[in-house]
Amino acid sequence: MITEKQISLIKQNWNGLRGVDPVLIGDVFYRKLFLDAPALKALFKTTSEQQSIKLVEMLNVIIARLERIEELSEDIKHLAIRHVQYGTKPTHYKQVGIALIWTLKQASGSQWNAEIEEAWSTCYTLLSNTMINATKE
C-alpha cells in the first residue's frame, strides 16, 4: 500500500525532473538496465529514443493518477500482457526496478533521500506486482 505522503513525495520529486529531457532520462535508465542485465537488450525492438519517450510518458500517466491507482489497474494489466508477448519474465521486473530507482536517484541529485527512495520503491513494487500477477491470471 502506498501512503498519501509517499504519493506526495513521488509527485514532488517527479515535478523536479520535468525539465530533464525524456530521452536523457531514458538513455540513462536503459544504459543502467543493459549494463546490469545485458540479455534484456534483445527484448527491445524500437530505437532507444522511442523507448525513452515511452518510458517517460508511462511514468507521467502513472504519477498523474497515483491517488487513483486503482483506475490504472486494467491498463497496467494490459501492459503486462503485452510485455509477456515481448518476452518479459517475472524476474525481469526486479532488474527494471533497480535501474529505475538508480536512474531517479542520479537525476534527482542532492534532492534524493531515503524517504523518497522508499516512496518510489513502494510505488514500483505495487506496480510490478500488479503486472506479475496479471500474467498469472
Protein backbone atom coordinates (compact mmCIF):
# COMPACT_ATOMS: atom_id res chain seq x y z
CA MET A 1 0.00 0.00 0.00
CA ILE A 2 1.27 3.43 -0.91
CA THR A 3 0.59 6.28 1.50
CA GLU A 4 -0.57 9.81 0.75
CA LYS A 5 2.80 11.11 1.95
CA GLN A 6 4.64 8.76 -0.42
CA ILE A 7 2.43 9.88 -3.30
CA SER A 8 3.23 13.50 -2.45
CA LEU A 9 6.98 12.77 -2.31
CA ILE A 10 6.90 10.99 -5.68
CA LYS A 11 4.96 13.82 -7.32
CA GLN A 12 7.30 16.47 -5.90
CA ASN A 13 10.35 14.51 -6.99
CA TRP A 14 8.96 13.87 -10.47
CA ASN A 15 7.96 17.52 -10.89
CA GLY A 16 11.57 18.45 -10.16
CA LEU A 17 12.65 16.20 -13.05
CA ARG A 18 10.14 17.57 -15.57
CA GLY A 19 12.75 19.85 -17.11
CA VAL A 20 15.08 16.96 -17.89
CA ASP A 21 14.98 15.71 -21.47
CA PRO A 22 12.96 12.42 -21.54
CA VAL A 23 15.47 10.95 -23.97
CA LEU A 24 18.26 11.62 -21.49
CA ILE A 25 16.33 10.02 -18.62
CA GLY A 26 15.55 7.02 -20.79
CA ASP A 27 19.09 6.76 -22.09
CA VAL A 28 20.48 6.67 -18.54
CA PHE A 29 17.83 4.15 -17.48
CA TYR A 30 18.41 1.78 -20.42
CA ARG A 31 22.19 2.02 -20.17
CA LYS A 32 21.98 1.03 -16.50
CA LEU A 33 19.48 -1.74 -17.25
CA PHE A 34 21.54 -3.22 -20.08
CA LEU A 35 24.77 -2.90 -18.11
CA ASP A 36 23.25 -4.87 -15.23
CA ALA A 37 21.22 -7.28 -17.41
CA PRO A 38 22.65 -7.37 -20.95
CA ALA A 39 20.30 -10.16 -22.05
CA LEU A 40 17.33 -7.80 -21.72
CA LYS A 41 18.55 -5.67 -24.63
CA ALA A 42 17.24 -8.30 -27.05
CA LEU A 43 13.67 -7.68 -25.83
CA PHE A 44 13.63 -4.10 -27.14
CA LYS A 45 12.85 -3.69 -30.84
CA THR A 46 12.40 0.08 -31.11
CA THR A 47 15.05 2.78 -31.03
CA SER A 48 16.36 3.90 -27.66
CA GLU A 49 14.86 7.34 -28.29
CA GLN A 50 11.39 5.85 -28.85
CA GLN A 51 11.75 3.62 -25.79
CA SER A 52 12.89 6.58 -23.68
CA ILE A 53 9.88 8.65 -24.68
CA LYS A 54 7.52 5.73 -23.95
CA LEU A 55 9.11 5.24 -20.53
CA VAL A 56 8.71 8.88 -19.51
CA GLU A 57 5.17 9.08 -20.94
CA MET A 58 4.21 5.97 -18.96
CA LEU A 59 5.70 7.46 -15.79
CA ASN A 60 3.81 10.72 -16.42
CA VAL A 61 0.48 8.86 -16.68
CA ILE A 62 1.10 6.73 -13.61
CA ILE A 63 2.31 9.61 -11.46
CA ALA A 64 -0.57 11.86 -12.50
CA ARG A 65 -3.02 9.23 -11.27
CA LEU A 66 -1.25 7.85 -8.21
CA GLU A 67 -4.08 8.96 -5.91
CA ARG A 68 -6.39 6.83 -8.03
CA ILE A 69 -4.03 3.96 -8.82
CA GLU A 70 -6.97 1.52 -8.96
CA GLU A 71 -8.15 3.35 -12.10
CA LEU A 72 -4.92 2.28 -13.77
CA SER A 73 -5.11 -1.38 -12.81
CA GLU A 74 -6.71 -2.53 -16.07
CA ASP A 75 -4.22 -0.52 -18.14
CA ILE A 76 -1.37 -1.94 -16.07
CA LYS A 77 -2.66 -5.48 -16.59
CA HIS A 78 -2.88 -4.96 -20.36
CA LEU A 79 0.64 -3.53 -20.34
CA ALA A 80 1.84 -6.63 -18.51
CA ILE A 81 0.23 -8.96 -21.04
CA ARG A 82 1.86 -7.04 -23.91
CA HIS A 83 5.21 -7.33 -22.14
CA VAL A 84 4.83 -11.11 -21.92
CA GLN A 85 4.46 -11.12 -25.70
CA TYR A 86 7.77 -9.22 -25.90
CA GLY A 87 9.44 -11.93 -23.79
CA THR A 88 9.33 -10.28 -20.37
CA LYS A 89 9.63 -12.68 -17.43
CA PRO A 90 8.66 -12.01 -13.79
CA THR A 91 12.36 -11.95 -12.83
CA HIS A 92 12.96 -9.02 -15.18
CA TYR A 93 10.83 -6.70 -13.06
CA LYS A 94 13.38 -6.66 -10.25
CA GLN A 95 16.14 -5.65 -12.68
CA VAL A 96 13.97 -2.91 -14.17
CA GLY A 97 13.13 -1.63 -10.68
CA ILE A 98 16.78 -1.43 -9.70
CA ALA A 99 17.62 0.50 -12.88
CA LEU A 100 14.64 2.83 -12.47
CA ILE A 101 15.37 3.72 -8.84
CA TRP A 102 19.06 4.20 -9.66
CA THR A 103 18.17 6.49 -12.59
CA LEU A 104 15.78 8.57 -10.50
CA LYS A 105 18.41 8.89 -7.79
CA GLN A 106 21.04 10.09 -10.28
CA ALA A 107 18.63 12.56 -11.90
CA SER A 108 17.49 13.93 -8.52
CA GLY A 109 20.98 14.62 -7.23
CA SER A 110 21.04 16.25 -3.80
CA GLN A 111 17.22 16.29 -3.63
CA TRP A 112 17.23 12.48 -3.23
CA ASN A 113 16.90 10.97 0.24
CA ALA A 114 15.91 7.70 1.91
CA GLU A 115 12.27 8.76 2.23
CA ILE A 116 11.97 9.49 -1.50
CA GLU A 117 13.71 6.21 -2.33
CA GLU A 118 11.28 4.29 -0.13
CA ALA A 119 8.31 6.03 -1.75
CA TRP A 120 9.49 5.20 -5.28
CA SER A 121 10.35 1.63 -4.25
CA THR A 122 6.90 1.14 -2.74
CA CYS A 123 5.26 2.52 -5.87
CA TYR A 124 7.35 0.37 -8.20
CA THR A 125 6.73 -2.76 -6.10
CA LEU A 126 2.98 -2.13 -6.21
CA LEU A 127 3.02 -1.68 -9.99
CA SER A 128 5.37 -4.57 -10.74
CA ASN A 129 3.40 -6.94 -8.50
CA THR A 130 0.21 -5.95 -10.34
CA MET A 131 1.92 -6.70 -13.65
CA ILE A 132 3.38 -10.01 -12.49
CA ASN A 133 0.04 -11.12 -11.06
CA ALA A 134 -1.76 -10.15 -14.29
CA THR A 135 0.44 -12.54 -16.24
CA LYS A 136 -0.53 -15.40 -13.91
CA GLU A 137 -4.28 -14.93 -14.43
